[in-house]
Protein backbone atom coordinates (compact mmCIF):
# COMPACT_ATOMS: atom_id res chain seq x y z
CA UNK A 1 0.00 0.00 0.00
CA UNK A 2 1.37 3.41 -0.98
CA UNK A 3 1.78 5.80 1.96
CA UNK A 4 0.78 9.42 1.36
CA UNK A 5 1.25 12.17 3.96
CA UNK A 6 -1.71 14.58 3.83
CA UNK A 7 -2.29 17.80 5.77
CA UNK A 8 -4.85 17.10 8.46
CA UNK A 9 -7.13 19.96 7.34
CA UNK A 10 -7.67 18.27 3.95
CA UNK A 11 -10.26 15.77 5.21
CA UNK A 12 -12.01 15.43 1.85
CA UNK A 13 -8.70 14.55 0.15
CA UNK A 14 -7.79 12.17 2.97
CA UNK A 15 -11.13 10.36 2.57
CA UNK A 16 -10.83 9.98 -1.20
CA UNK A 17 -7.25 8.71 -1.03
CA UNK A 18 -8.23 6.17 1.63
CA UNK A 19 -11.12 4.98 -0.54
CA UNK A 20 -8.69 4.62 -3.45
CA UNK A 21 -6.48 2.29 -1.40
CA UNK A 22 -3.72 4.63 -0.25
CA UNK A 23 -2.37 4.57 3.29
CA UNK A 24 -3.00 8.14 4.46
CA UNK A 25 -0.95 9.52 7.36
CA UNK A 26 -0.49 12.95 8.91
CA UNK A 27 2.72 14.81 8.02
CA UNK A 28 4.14 14.10 11.49
CA UNK A 29 4.08 10.37 10.63
CA UNK A 30 5.45 10.78 7.11
CA UNK A 31 8.52 8.55 7.39
CA UNK A 32 8.56 6.39 4.29
CA UNK A 33 5.80 8.34 2.53
CA UNK A 34 5.79 8.21 -1.27
CA UNK A 35 4.29 11.70 -1.60
CA UNK A 36 2.98 14.69 0.33
CA UNK A 37 -0.27 16.59 -0.16
CA UNK A 38 -0.18 20.05 1.38
CA UNK A 39 -2.86 22.69 1.72
CA UNK A 40 -0.59 25.48 0.54
CA UNK A 41 -1.03 27.30 3.84
CA UNK A 42 2.54 26.75 4.88
CA UNK A 43 5.76 27.25 3.00
CA UNK A 44 7.95 24.78 4.84
CA UNK A 45 6.18 21.58 5.80
CA UNK A 46 7.15 20.67 9.37
CA UNK A 47 10.12 23.06 9.25
CA UNK A 48 12.08 20.56 7.18
CA UNK A 49 14.93 22.29 5.42
CA UNK A 50 17.03 19.36 4.30
CA UNK A 51 15.23 16.83 2.16
CA UNK A 52 16.77 13.39 2.20
CA UNK A 53 14.42 11.80 -0.33
CA UNK A 54 12.91 13.33 -3.41
CA UNK A 55 9.18 12.61 -3.30
CA UNK A 56 6.34 14.40 -5.08
CA UNK A 57 4.62 17.24 -3.26
CA UNK A 58 1.13 18.20 -4.41
CA UNK A 59 -0.17 21.62 -3.39
CA UNK A 60 -3.93 21.03 -3.10
CA UNK A 61 -4.75 24.75 -3.02
CA UNK A 62 -7.58 25.38 -5.49
CA UNK A 63 -7.87 21.70 -6.47
CA UNK A 64 -10.74 19.28 -6.03
CA UNK A 65 -10.02 15.98 -4.27
CA UNK A 66 -10.33 14.22 -7.65
CA UNK A 67 -7.74 16.59 -9.18
CA UNK A 68 -5.38 15.87 -6.26
CA UNK A 69 -5.84 12.13 -6.81
CA UNK A 70 -5.16 12.49 -10.53
CA UNK A 71 -2.04 14.56 -9.88
CA UNK A 72 -0.74 12.01 -7.37
CA UNK A 73 -1.34 9.12 -9.74
CA UNK A 74 0.48 10.99 -12.52
CA UNK A 75 3.45 11.77 -10.31
CA UNK A 76 3.62 8.27 -8.88
CA UNK A 77 3.15 6.60 -12.27
CA UNK A 78 -0.11 4.91 -11.25
CA UNK A 79 -2.72 5.07 -13.96
PDB file of N, CA and C in Angstrom:
ATOM      1  N   UNK A   1       0.849  -1.176   0.000  1.00  0.00           N
ATOM      2  CA  UNK A   1       0.000   0.000   0.000  1.00  0.00           C
ATOM      3  C   UNK A   1       0.899   1.245   0.000  1.00  0.00           C
ATOM      4  N   UNK A   2       0.581   2.192  -0.847  1.00  0.00           N
ATOM      5  CA  UNK A   2       1.371   3.407  -0.977  1.00  0.00           C
ATOM      6  C   UNK A   2       0.996   4.399   0.119  1.00  0.00           C
ATOM      7  N   UNK A   3       2.005   4.857   0.867  1.00  0.00           N
ATOM      8  CA  UNK A   3       1.784   5.798   1.964  1.00  0.00           C
ATOM      9  C   UNK A   3       1.878   7.229   1.444  1.00  0.00           C
ATOM     10  N   UNK A   4       0.835   8.020   1.752  1.00  0.00           N
ATOM     11  CA  UNK A   4       0.780   9.418   1.361  1.00  0.00           C
ATOM     12  C   UNK A   4       0.563  10.254   2.617  1.00  0.00           C
ATOM     13  N   UNK A   5       1.415  11.251   2.835  1.00  0.00           N
ATOM     14  CA  UNK A   5       1.249  12.167   3.963  1.00  0.00           C
ATOM     15  C   UNK A   5       0.365  13.324   3.498  1.00  0.00           C
ATOM     16  N   UNK A   6      -0.732  13.562   4.220  1.00  0.00           N
ATOM     17  CA  UNK A   6      -1.708  14.576   3.825  1.00  0.00           C
ATOM     18  C   UNK A   6      -1.974  15.502   5.004  1.00  0.00           C
ATOM     19  N   UNK A   7      -1.947  16.820   4.725  1.00  0.00           N
ATOM     20  CA  UNK A   7      -2.291  17.796   5.769  1.00  0.00           C
ATOM     21  C   UNK A   7      -3.615  17.399   6.412  1.00  0.00           C
ATOM     22  N   UNK A   8      -3.673  17.533   7.722  1.00  0.00           N
ATOM     23  CA  UNK A   8      -4.850  17.102   8.463  1.00  0.00           C
ATOM     24  C   UNK A   8      -6.098  17.909   8.142  1.00  0.00           C
ATOM     25  N   UNK A   9      -5.951  19.149   7.652  1.00  0.00           N
ATOM     26  CA  UNK A   9      -7.127  19.963   7.344  1.00  0.00           C
ATOM     27  C   UNK A   9      -7.712  19.647   5.965  1.00  0.00           C
ATOM     28  N   UNK A  10      -7.163  18.677   5.266  1.00  0.00           N
ATOM     29  CA  UNK A  10      -7.672  18.272   3.952  1.00  0.00           C
ATOM     30  C   UNK A  10      -8.469  16.972   4.078  1.00  0.00           C
ATOM     31  N   UNK A  11      -9.508  16.994   4.907  1.00  0.00           N
ATOM     32  CA  UNK A  11     -10.256  15.772   5.212  1.00  0.00           C
ATOM     33  C   UNK A  11     -10.908  15.157   3.978  1.00  0.00           C
ATOM     34  N   UNK A  12     -11.381  15.983   3.051  1.00  0.00           N
ATOM     35  CA  UNK A  12     -12.010  15.431   1.845  1.00  0.00           C
ATOM     36  C   UNK A  12     -10.986  14.704   0.969  1.00  0.00           C
ATOM     37  N   UNK A  13      -9.773  15.215   0.912  1.00  0.00           N
ATOM     38  CA  UNK A  13      -8.701  14.554   0.152  1.00  0.00           C
ATOM     39  C   UNK A  13      -8.292  13.274   0.871  1.00  0.00           C
ATOM     40  N   UNK A  14      -8.165  13.349   2.180  1.00  0.00           N
ATOM     41  CA  UNK A  14      -7.792  12.174   2.971  1.00  0.00           C
ATOM     42  C   UNK A  14      -8.791  11.041   2.738  1.00  0.00           C
ATOM     43  N   UNK A  15     -10.086  11.376   2.760  1.00  0.00           N
ATOM     44  CA  UNK A  15     -11.134  10.364   2.569  1.00  0.00           C
ATOM     45  C   UNK A  15     -11.045   9.711   1.198  1.00  0.00           C
ATOM     46  N   UNK A  16     -10.900  10.517   0.150  1.00  0.00           N
ATOM     47  CA  UNK A  16     -10.833   9.978  -1.201  1.00  0.00           C
ATOM     48  C   UNK A  16      -9.609   9.078  -1.380  1.00  0.00           C
ATOM     49  N   UNK A  17      -8.464   9.520  -0.885  1.00  0.00           N
ATOM     50  CA  UNK A  17      -7.249   8.713  -1.034  1.00  0.00           C
ATOM     51  C   UNK A  17      -7.375   7.389  -0.289  1.00  0.00           C
ATOM     52  N   UNK A  18      -7.999   7.407   0.882  1.00  0.00           N
ATOM     53  CA  UNK A  18      -8.227   6.172   1.635  1.00  0.00           C
ATOM     54  C   UNK A  18      -9.132   5.232   0.847  1.00  0.00           C
ATOM     55  N   UNK A  19     -10.208   5.786   0.264  1.00  0.00           N
ATOM     56  CA  UNK A  19     -11.124   4.980  -0.543  1.00  0.00           C
ATOM     57  C   UNK A  19     -10.422   4.375  -1.754  1.00  0.00           C
ATOM     58  N   UNK A  20      -9.422   5.080  -2.269  1.00  0.00           N
ATOM     59  CA  UNK A  20      -8.687   4.616  -3.445  1.00  0.00           C
ATOM     60  C   UNK A  20      -7.564   3.639  -3.092  1.00  0.00           C
ATOM     61  N   UNK A  21      -7.434   3.305  -1.804  1.00  0.00           N
ATOM     62  CA  UNK A  21      -6.480   2.287  -1.400  1.00  0.00           C
ATOM     63  C   UNK A  21      -5.117   2.780  -0.950  1.00  0.00           C
ATOM     64  N   UNK A  22      -4.975   4.089  -0.758  1.00  0.00           N
ATOM     65  CA  UNK A  22      -3.715   4.632  -0.252  1.00  0.00           C
ATOM     66  C   UNK A  22      -3.708   4.582   1.266  1.00  0.00           C
ATOM     67  N   UNK A  23      -2.532   4.431   1.851  1.00  0.00           N
ATOM     68  CA  UNK A  23      -2.371   4.574   3.289  1.00  0.00           C
ATOM     69  C   UNK A  23      -2.136   6.060   3.546  1.00  0.00           C
ATOM     70  N   UNK A  24      -3.073   6.711   4.230  1.00  0.00           N
ATOM     71  CA  UNK A  24      -2.999   8.145   4.464  1.00  0.00           C
ATOM     72  C   UNK A  24      -2.556   8.400   5.897  1.00  0.00           C
ATOM     73  N   UNK A  25      -1.499   9.199   6.035  1.00  0.00           N
ATOM     74  CA  UNK A  25      -0.955   9.520   7.357  1.00  0.00           C
ATOM     75  C   UNK A  25      -0.790  11.026   7.482  1.00  0.00           C
ATOM     76  N   UNK A  26      -0.774  11.527   8.728  1.00  0.00           N
ATOM     77  CA  UNK A  26      -0.489  12.951   8.914  1.00  0.00           C
ATOM     78  C   UNK A  26       0.983  13.233   8.643  1.00  0.00           C
ATOM     79  N   UNK A  27       1.318  14.477   8.311  1.00  0.00           N
ATOM     80  CA  UNK A  27       2.720  14.809   8.022  1.00  0.00           C
ATOM     81  C   UNK A  27       3.695  14.418   9.130  1.00  0.00           C
ATOM     82  N   UNK A  28       3.253  14.455  10.374  1.00  0.00           N
ATOM     83  CA  UNK A  28       4.139  14.103  11.488  1.00  0.00           C
ATOM     84  C   UNK A  28       4.541  12.630  11.467  1.00  0.00           C
ATOM     85  N   UNK A  29       3.795  11.808  10.725  1.00  0.00           N
ATOM     86  CA  UNK A  29       4.084  10.375  10.626  1.00  0.00           C
ATOM     87  C   UNK A  29       4.505  10.006   9.205  1.00  0.00           C
ATOM     88  N   UNK A  30       5.179  10.921   8.541  1.00  0.00           N
ATOM     89  CA  UNK A  30       5.454  10.780   7.110  1.00  0.00           C
ATOM     90  C   UNK A  30       6.671   9.931   6.750  1.00  0.00           C
ATOM     91  N   UNK A  31       7.354   9.369   7.709  1.00  0.00           N
ATOM     92  CA  UNK A  31       8.521   8.549   7.393  1.00  0.00           C
ATOM     93  C   UNK A  31       8.146   7.445   6.414  1.00  0.00           C
ATOM     94  N   UNK A  32       8.829   7.406   5.298  1.00  0.00           N
ATOM     95  CA  UNK A  32       8.561   6.391   4.287  1.00  0.00           C
ATOM     96  C   UNK A  32       7.434   6.734   3.325  1.00  0.00           C
ATOM     97  N   UNK A  33       6.897   7.946   3.424  1.00  0.00           N
ATOM     98  CA  UNK A  33       5.803   8.342   2.529  1.00  0.00           C
ATOM     99  C   UNK A  33       6.306   8.478   1.094  1.00  0.00           C
ATOM    100  N   UNK A  34       5.459   8.114   0.153  1.00  0.00           N
ATOM    101  CA  UNK A  34       5.794   8.207  -1.272  1.00  0.00           C
ATOM    102  C   UNK A  34       5.495   9.580  -1.846  1.00  0.00           C
ATOM    103  N   UNK A  35       4.655  10.352  -1.135  1.00  0.00           N
ATOM    104  CA  UNK A  35       4.289  11.696  -1.598  1.00  0.00           C
ATOM    105  C   UNK A  35       3.671  12.477  -0.448  1.00  0.00           C
ATOM    106  N   UNK A  36       3.620  13.791  -0.625  1.00  0.00           N
ATOM    107  CA  UNK A  36       2.978  14.690   0.331  1.00  0.00           C
ATOM    108  C   UNK A  36       1.876  15.453  -0.387  1.00  0.00           C
ATOM    109  N   UNK A  37       0.771  15.684   0.322  1.00  0.00           N
ATOM    110  CA  UNK A  37      -0.269  16.591  -0.160  1.00  0.00           C
ATOM    111  C   UNK A  37      -0.384  17.687   0.887  1.00  0.00           C
ATOM    112  N   UNK A  38      -0.145  18.917   0.460  1.00  0.00           N
ATOM    113  CA  UNK A  38      -0.182  20.045   1.380  1.00  0.00           C
ATOM    114  C   UNK A  38      -1.319  20.981   0.993  1.00  0.00           C
ATOM    115  N   UNK A  39      -1.741  21.779   1.963  1.00  0.00           N
ATOM    116  CA  UNK A  39      -2.858  22.688   1.724  1.00  0.00           C
ATOM    117  C   UNK A  39      -2.402  24.008   1.130  1.00  0.00           C
ATOM    118  N   UNK A  40      -1.104  24.231   1.077  1.00  0.00           N
ATOM    119  CA  UNK A  40      -0.594  25.483   0.542  1.00  0.00           C
ATOM    120  C   UNK A  40      -0.575  26.593   1.572  1.00  0.00           C
ATOM    121  N   UNK A  41      -0.978  26.285   2.792  1.00  0.00           N
ATOM    122  CA  UNK A  41      -1.032  27.305   3.839  1.00  0.00           C
ATOM    123  C   UNK A  41       0.314  27.515   4.507  1.00  0.00           C
ATOM    124  N   UNK A  42       1.227  26.603   4.289  1.00  0.00           N
ATOM    125  CA  UNK A  42       2.543  26.753   4.879  1.00  0.00           C
ATOM    126  C   UNK A  42       3.601  26.626   3.795  1.00  0.00           C
ATOM    127  N   UNK A  43       4.672  27.298   3.977  1.00  0.00           N
ATOM    128  CA  UNK A  43       5.755  27.253   2.999  1.00  0.00           C
ATOM    129  C   UNK A  43       6.700  26.091   3.246  1.00  0.00           C
ATOM    130  N   UNK A  44       6.960  25.788   4.505  1.00  0.00           N
ATOM    131  CA  UNK A  44       7.954  24.785   4.843  1.00  0.00           C
ATOM    132  C   UNK A  44       7.300  23.724   5.723  1.00  0.00           C
ATOM    133  N   UNK A  45       6.862  22.654   5.120  1.00  0.00           N
ATOM    134  CA  UNK A  45       6.180  21.576   5.802  1.00  0.00           C
ATOM    135  C   UNK A  45       7.023  21.050   6.963  1.00  0.00           C
ATOM    136  N   UNK A  46       6.505  21.167   8.157  1.00  0.00           N
ATOM    137  CA  UNK A  46       7.150  20.674   9.375  1.00  0.00           C
ATOM    138  C   UNK A  46       8.502  21.318   9.671  1.00  0.00           C
ATOM    139  N   UNK A  47       8.830  22.411   9.013  1.00  0.00           N
ATOM    140  CA  UNK A  47      10.116  23.056   9.249  1.00  0.00           C
ATOM    141  C   UNK A  47      11.282  22.281   8.683  1.00  0.00           C
ATOM    142  N   UNK A  48      11.019  21.386   7.778  1.00  0.00           N
ATOM    143  CA  UNK A  48      12.081  20.564   7.182  1.00  0.00           C
ATOM    144  C   UNK A  48      12.842  21.405   6.163  1.00  0.00           C
ATOM    145  N   UNK A  49      14.133  21.511   6.344  1.00  0.00           N
ATOM    146  CA  UNK A  49      14.931  22.295   5.422  1.00  0.00           C
ATOM    147  C   UNK A  49      15.891  21.444   4.610  1.00  0.00           C
ATOM    148  N   UNK A  50      16.151  20.244   5.064  1.00  0.00           N
ATOM    149  CA  UNK A  50      17.032  19.360   4.298  1.00  0.00           C
ATOM    150  C   UNK A  50      16.244  18.112   3.920  1.00  0.00           C
ATOM    151  N   UNK A  51      16.012  17.946   2.663  1.00  0.00           N
ATOM    152  CA  UNK A  51      15.228  16.833   2.163  1.00  0.00           C
ATOM    153  C   UNK A  51      16.175  15.687   1.843  1.00  0.00           C
ATOM    154  N   UNK A  52      15.887  14.532   2.422  1.00  0.00           N
ATOM    155  CA  UNK A  52      16.766  13.389   2.199  1.00  0.00           C
ATOM    156  C   UNK A  52      16.266  12.503   1.071  1.00  0.00           C
ATOM    157  N   UNK A  53      14.969  12.573   0.764  1.00  0.00           N
ATOM    158  CA  UNK A  53      14.418  11.801  -0.331  1.00  0.00           C
ATOM    159  C   UNK A  53      13.599  12.722  -1.213  1.00  0.00           C
ATOM    160  N   UNK A  54      13.711  12.535  -2.485  1.00  0.00           N
ATOM    161  CA  UNK A  54      12.907  13.325  -3.409  1.00  0.00           C
ATOM    162  C   UNK A  54      11.581  12.605  -3.636  1.00  0.00           C
ATOM    163  N   UNK A  55      10.513  13.162  -3.094  1.00  0.00           N
ATOM    164  CA  UNK A  55       9.175  12.614  -3.296  1.00  0.00           C
ATOM    165  C   UNK A  55       8.276  13.729  -3.810  1.00  0.00           C
ATOM    166  N   UNK A  56       7.253  13.376  -4.564  1.00  0.00           N
ATOM    167  CA  UNK A  56       6.343  14.397  -5.080  1.00  0.00           C
ATOM    168  C   UNK A  56       5.604  15.128  -3.960  1.00  0.00           C
ATOM    169  N   UNK A  57       5.410  16.421  -4.163  1.00  0.00           N
ATOM    170  CA  UNK A  57       4.616  17.242  -3.258  1.00  0.00           C
ATOM    171  C   UNK A  57       3.515  17.882  -4.090  1.00  0.00           C
ATOM    172  N   UNK A  58       2.273  17.630  -3.709  1.00  0.00           N
ATOM    173  CA  UNK A  58       1.133  18.199  -4.415  1.00  0.00           C
ATOM    174  C   UNK A  58       0.534  19.288  -3.540  1.00  0.00           C
ATOM    175  N   UNK A  59       0.471  20.498  -4.070  1.00  0.00           N
ATOM    176  CA  UNK A  59      -0.172  21.616  -3.386  1.00  0.00           C
ATOM    177  C   UNK A  59      -1.645  21.584  -3.767  1.00  0.00           C
ATOM    178  N   UNK A  60      -2.503  21.228  -2.830  1.00  0.00           N
ATOM    179  CA  UNK A  60      -3.926  21.031  -3.096  1.00  0.00           C
ATOM    180  C   UNK A  60      -4.718  22.337  -3.187  1.00  0.00           C
ATOM    181  N   UNK A  61      -4.060  23.449  -2.990  1.00  0.00           N
ATOM    182  CA  UNK A  61      -4.749  24.745  -3.022  1.00  0.00           C
ATOM    183  C   UNK A  61      -5.466  24.922  -4.363  1.00  0.00           C
ATOM    184  N   UNK A  62      -6.778  25.146  -4.299  1.00  0.00           N
ATOM    185  CA  UNK A  62      -7.576  25.376  -5.492  1.00  0.00           C
ATOM    186  C   UNK A  62      -7.929  24.122  -6.280  1.00  0.00           C
ATOM    187  N   UNK A  63      -7.603  22.954  -5.764  1.00  0.00           N
ATOM    188  CA  UNK A  63      -7.869  21.698  -6.472  1.00  0.00           C
ATOM    189  C   UNK A  63      -9.000  20.935  -5.795  1.00  0.00           C
ATOM    190  N   UNK A  64      -9.747  20.186  -6.596  1.00  0.00           N
ATOM    191  CA  UNK A  64     -10.743  19.285  -6.032  1.00  0.00           C
ATOM    192  C   UNK A  64     -10.021  18.020  -5.559  1.00  0.00           C
ATOM    193  N   UNK A  65     -10.653  17.232  -4.685  1.00  0.00           N
ATOM    194  CA  UNK A  65     -10.023  15.976  -4.274  1.00  0.00           C
ATOM    195  C   UNK A  65      -9.696  15.073  -5.465  1.00  0.00           C
ATOM    196  N   UNK A  66     -10.563  15.047  -6.463  1.00  0.00           N
ATOM    197  CA  UNK A  66     -10.326  14.219  -7.650  1.00  0.00           C
ATOM    198  C   UNK A  66      -9.097  14.720  -8.419  1.00  0.00           C
ATOM    199  N   UNK A  67      -8.914  16.035  -8.496  1.00  0.00           N
ATOM    200  CA  UNK A  67      -7.740  16.590  -9.175  1.00  0.00           C
ATOM    201  C   UNK A  67      -6.463  16.245  -8.411  1.00  0.00           C
ATOM    202  N   UNK A  68      -6.534  16.255  -7.083  1.00  0.00           N
ATOM    203  CA  UNK A  68      -5.375  15.870  -6.264  1.00  0.00           C
ATOM    204  C   UNK A  68      -5.036  14.409  -6.525  1.00  0.00           C
ATOM    205  N   UNK A  69      -6.050  13.551  -6.541  1.00  0.00           N
ATOM    206  CA  UNK A  69      -5.842  12.127  -6.815  1.00  0.00           C
ATOM    207  C   UNK A  69      -5.196  11.924  -8.181  1.00  0.00           C
ATOM    208  N   UNK A  70      -5.706  12.601  -9.182  1.00  0.00           N
ATOM    209  CA  UNK A  70      -5.158  12.487 -10.532  1.00  0.00           C
ATOM    210  C   UNK A  70      -3.701  12.941 -10.579  1.00  0.00           C
ATOM    211  N   UNK A  71      -3.403  14.051  -9.916  1.00  0.00           N
ATOM    212  CA  UNK A  71      -2.038  14.556  -9.875  1.00  0.00           C
ATOM    213  C   UNK A  71      -1.105  13.560  -9.184  1.00  0.00           C
ATOM    214  N   UNK A  72      -1.559  13.000  -8.074  1.00  0.00           N
ATOM    215  CA  UNK A  72      -0.744  12.007  -7.368  1.00  0.00           C
ATOM    216  C   UNK A  72      -0.476  10.789  -8.248  1.00  0.00           C
ATOM    217  N   UNK A  73      -1.513  10.295  -8.895  1.00  0.00           N
ATOM    218  CA  UNK A  73      -1.340   9.118  -9.742  1.00  0.00           C
ATOM    219  C   UNK A  73      -0.358   9.412 -10.878  1.00  0.00           C
ATOM    220  N   UNK A  74      -0.464  10.604 -11.454  1.00  0.00           N
ATOM    221  CA  UNK A  74       0.476  10.993 -12.520  1.00  0.00           C
ATOM    222  C   UNK A  74       1.906  10.998 -12.001  1.00  0.00           C
ATOM    223  N   UNK A  75       2.101  11.628 -10.858  1.00  0.00           N
ATOM    224  CA  UNK A  75       3.449  11.770 -10.308  1.00  0.00           C
ATOM    225  C   UNK A  75       4.026  10.454  -9.812  1.00  0.00           C
ATOM    226  N   UNK A  76       3.152   9.552  -9.384  1.00  0.00           N
ATOM    227  CA  UNK A  76       3.617   8.266  -8.883  1.00  0.00           C
ATOM    228  C   UNK A  76       3.625   7.192  -9.971  1.00  0.00           C
ATOM    229  N   UNK A  77       3.171   7.562 -11.171  1.00  0.00           N
ATOM    230  CA  UNK A  77       3.145   6.601 -12.273  1.00  0.00           C
ATOM    231  C   UNK A  77       2.097   5.542 -12.129  1.00  0.00           C
ATOM    232  N   UNK A  78       0.962   5.883 -11.483  1.00  0.00           N
ATOM    233  CA  UNK A  78      -0.114   4.911 -11.250  1.00  0.00           C
ATOM    234  C   UNK A  78      -1.346   5.321 -12.032  1.00  0.00           C
ATOM    235  N   UNK A  79      -1.517   4.778 -13.157  1.00  0.00           N
ATOM    236  CA  UNK A  79      -2.720   5.066 -13.961  1.00  0.00           C
ATOM    237  C   UNK A  79      -3.522   3.820 -14.139  1.00  0.00           C
TER     238      UNK A  79
END
